[in-house]
C-alpha atoms as a PDB file:
ATOM      1  CA  MET A   1     123.268  71.479-103.720  1.00  0.00           C
ATOM      2  CA  PRO A   2     127.219  70.826-103.587  1.00  0.00           C
ATOM      3  CA  ARG A   3     128.937  74.028-102.080  1.00  0.00           C
ATOM      4  CA  ASP A   4     131.989  75.374-104.088  1.00  0.00           C
ATOM      5  CA  GLU A   5     135.420  75.282-102.302  1.00  0.00           C
ATOM      6  CA  SER A   6     136.318  78.253-100.345  1.00  0.00           C
ATOM      7  CA  ALA A   7     139.962  79.970-101.347  1.00  0.00           C
ATOM      8  CA  LEU A   8     141.209  78.913 -98.220  1.00  0.00           C
ATOM      9  CA  ASP A   9     140.079  75.523 -98.406  1.00  0.00           C
ATOM     10  CA  GLN A  10     141.843  75.483-101.986  1.00  0.00           C
ATOM     11  CA  LEU A  11     145.089  76.793-100.392  1.00  0.00           C
ATOM     12  CA  LYS A  12     145.263  74.387 -97.748  1.00  0.00           C
ATOM     13  CA  LYS A  13     144.673  71.604-100.230  1.00  0.00           C
ATOM     14  CA  LEU A  14     147.446  73.089-102.378  1.00  0.00           C
ATOM     15  CA  ASN A  15     149.749  73.333 -99.830  1.00  0.00           C
ATOM     16  CA  LYS A  16     149.006  69.958 -98.404  1.00  0.00           C
ATOM     17  CA  GLU A  17     149.810  68.659-102.484  1.00  0.00           C
ATOM     18  CA  ARG A  18     153.174  70.950-102.275  1.00  0.00           C
ATOM     19  CA  ASP A  19     154.388  69.427 -98.730  1.00  0.00           C
ATOM     20  CA  GLY A  20     153.996  65.697-100.128  1.00  0.00           C
ATOM     21  CA  LEU A  21     156.005  66.724-103.579  1.00  0.00           C
ATOM     22  CA  LEU A  22     158.706  68.625-101.485  1.00  0.00           C
ATOM     23  CA  SER A  23     158.834  65.740 -99.544  1.00  0.00           C
ATOM     24  CA  LYS A  24     159.420  63.549-102.430  1.00  0.00           C
ATOM     25  CA  ALA A  25     161.609  65.511-104.365  1.00  0.00           C
ATOM     26  CA  ARG A  26     164.152  65.705-101.168  1.00  0.00           C
ATOM     27  CA  SER A  27     163.988  62.105-100.727  1.00  0.00           C
ATOM     28  CA  GLU A  28     164.985  61.752-104.526  1.00  0.00           C
ATOM     29  CA  ALA A  29     167.936  64.261-104.441  1.00  0.00           C
ATOM     30  CA  LEU A  30     169.249  62.681-101.198  1.00  0.00           C
ATOM     31  CA  GLU A  31     169.161  59.074-102.770  1.00  0.00           C
ATOM     32  CA  ASN A  32     171.199  60.906-105.465  1.00  0.00           C
ATOM     33  CA  ALA A  33     173.594  62.716-103.223  1.00  0.00           C
ATOM     34  CA  LYS A  34     174.412  59.191-101.320  1.00  0.00           C
ATOM     35  CA  GLU A  35     175.047  57.292-104.751  1.00  0.00           C
ATOM     36  CA  ALA A  36     177.225  60.388-105.641  1.00  0.00           C
ATOM     37  CA  VAL A  37     179.067  59.892-102.094  1.00  0.00           C
ATOM     38  CA  LYS A  38     179.302  56.240-102.828  1.00  0.00           C
ATOM     39  CA  VAL A  39     181.287  56.861-106.059  1.00  0.00           C
ATOM     40  CA  LEU A  40     183.235  59.360-104.544  1.00  0.00           C
ATOM     41  CA  LYS A  41     184.444  57.034-101.771  1.00  0.00           C
ATOM     42  CA  GLU A  42     184.948  54.124-104.078  1.00  0.00           C
ATOM     43  CA  LEU A  43     187.610  56.257-105.843  1.00  0.00           C
ATOM     44  CA  GLY A  44     189.061  56.866-102.458  1.00  0.00           C
ATOM     45  CA  LEU A  45     187.976  59.974-101.890  1.00  0.00           C
ATOM     46  CA  GLU A  46     187.123  61.205 -98.141  1.00  0.00           C
ATOM     47  CA  TYR A  47     183.544  62.562 -98.272  1.00  0.00           C
ATOM     48  CA  SER A  48     180.522  62.623 -96.242  1.00  0.00           C
ATOM     49  CA  LEU A  49     176.806  63.801 -96.159  1.00  0.00           C
ATOM     50  CA  VAL A  50     175.481  66.098 -93.559  1.00  0.00           C
ATOM     51  CA  GLU A  51     172.159  67.481 -92.794  1.00  0.00           C
ATOM     52  CA  GLY A  52     172.311  71.328 -91.611  1.00  0.00           C
ATOM     53  CA  LYS A  53     173.870  74.276 -92.419  1.00  0.00           C
ATOM     54  CA  SER A  54     177.615  74.340 -92.246  1.00  0.00           C
ATOM     55  CA  GLN A  55     179.249  76.769 -89.974  1.00  0.00           C
ATOM     56  CA  SER A  56     182.685  78.101 -91.661  1.00  0.00           C
ATOM     57  CA  VAL A  57     185.474  78.132 -89.147  1.00  0.00           C
ATOM     58  CA  LYS A  58     187.556  80.171 -91.437  1.00  0.00           C
ATOM     59  CA  GLY A  59     186.597  83.665 -91.293  1.00  0.00           C
ATOM     60  CA  SER A  60     184.885  83.944 -88.078  1.00  0.00           C
ATOM     61  CA  LEU A  61     185.869  86.156 -85.420  1.00  0.00           C
ATOM     62  CA  SER A  62     186.365  85.244 -81.792  1.00  0.00           C
ATOM     63  CA  ASP A  63     186.550  87.442 -78.878  1.00  0.00           C
ATOM     64  CA  LYS A  64     190.288  86.266 -77.969  1.00  0.00           C
ATOM     65  CA  PRO A  65     192.776  89.030 -78.260  1.00  0.00           C
ATOM     66  CA  CYS A  66     193.993  90.308 -81.649  1.00  0.00           C
ATOM     67  CA  ASP A  67     197.972  88.507 -82.369  1.00  0.00           C
ATOM     68  CA  LEU A  68     199.285  91.720 -83.258  1.00  0.00           C
ATOM     69  CA  CYS A  69     197.613  94.077 -80.597  1.00  0.00           C
ATOM     70  CA  GLY A  70     197.706  91.622 -77.721  1.00  0.00           C
ATOM     71  CA  PHE A  71     194.233  93.066 -76.831  1.00  0.00           C
ATOM     72  CA  GLY A  72     190.783  92.733 -77.839  1.00  0.00           C
ATOM     73  CA  THR A  73     188.284  95.088 -78.847  1.00  0.00           C
ATOM     74  CA  SER A  74     184.334  95.477 -79.252  1.00  0.00           C
ATOM     75  CA  PRO A  75     183.538  94.717 -81.767  1.00  0.00           C
ATOM     76  CA  PRO A  76     186.248  91.843 -82.306  1.00  0.00           C
ATOM     77  CA  HIS A  77     188.778  92.411 -84.320  1.00  0.00           C
ATOM     78  CA  ASP A  78     191.871  90.533 -85.772  1.00  0.00           C
ATOM     79  CA  LYS A  79     195.218  90.369 -88.172  1.00  0.00           C
ATOM     80  CA  ARG A  80     192.812  90.733 -91.205  1.00  0.00           C
ATOM     81  CA  LYS A  81     191.439  94.221 -89.899  1.00  0.00           C
ATOM     82  CA  HIS A  82     195.154  95.282 -89.554  1.00  0.00           C
ATOM     83  CA  ARG A  83     195.751  94.425 -93.245  1.00  0.00           C
ATOM     84  CA  TRP A  84     192.618  96.128 -94.763  1.00  0.00           C
ATOM     85  CA  VAL A  85     193.223  99.537 -92.922  1.00  0.00           C
ATOM     86  CA  LEU A  86     196.917  99.870 -92.956  1.00  0.00           C
ATOM     87  CA  GLY A  87     197.479  98.355 -96.302  1.00  0.00           C
ATOM     88  CA  PHE A  88     199.269  95.364 -95.386  1.00  0.00           C
ATOM     89  CA  GLU A  89     201.115  96.792 -92.670  1.00  0.00           C
ATOM     90  CA  ASP A  90     200.959  94.588 -89.433  1.00  0.00           C
ATOM     91  CA  THR A  91     201.476  96.933 -86.684  1.00  0.00           C
ATOM     92  CA  PRO A  92     199.390  97.152 -83.794  1.00  0.00           C
ATOM     93  CA  PHE A  93     196.238 100.022 -83.642  1.00  0.00           C
ATOM     94  CA  THR A  94     197.340 103.151 -81.706  1.00  0.00           C
ATOM     95  CA  ALA A  95     194.275 104.612 -79.476  1.00  0.00           C
ATOM     96  CA  SER A  96     193.423 107.558 -82.176  1.00  0.00           C
ATOM     97  CA  LYS A  97     193.344 104.390 -84.981  1.00  0.00           C
ATOM     98  CA  LEU A  98     191.020 102.408 -82.519  1.00  0.00           C
ATOM     99  CA  ARG A  99     188.725 105.726 -82.267  1.00  0.00           C
ATOM    100  CA  GLU A 100     188.767 106.043 -86.045  1.00  0.00           C
ATOM    101  CA  LEU A 101     187.452 102.461 -86.454  1.00  0.00           C
ATOM    102  CA  ASN A 102     184.885 102.803 -83.645  1.00  0.00           C
ATOM    103  CA  LEU A 103     186.731 100.184 -81.507  1.00  0.00           C
ATOM    104  CA  THR A 104     187.143  99.984 -77.992  1.00  0.00           C
ATOM    105  CA  LYS A 105     189.714  97.740 -76.003  1.00  0.00           C
ATOM    106  CA  VAL A 106     187.818  95.381 -73.616  1.00  0.00           C
END
């Protein structure tokens, strides 16, 4: 007498089927994207297709000193912090303002 498939066996089978469908959908989408990039290049526009997550250069803070204060802080800050706190006044932070913002000089 044949034994019924267990729930675990059914899940494994469904996961395998899902993986196959996902791979097929990815391939189809990639081919469509490559064709779109090809058309854009034919129009004289410079595009490329890159796999993976993009890393934003704009908007990221570095450990370099602030252009206004002339020193770095922990956590880091830059000119944008001055505009947000002081209402578009480009002046260096005072010691009391640093304490208020929980920033420490490094």
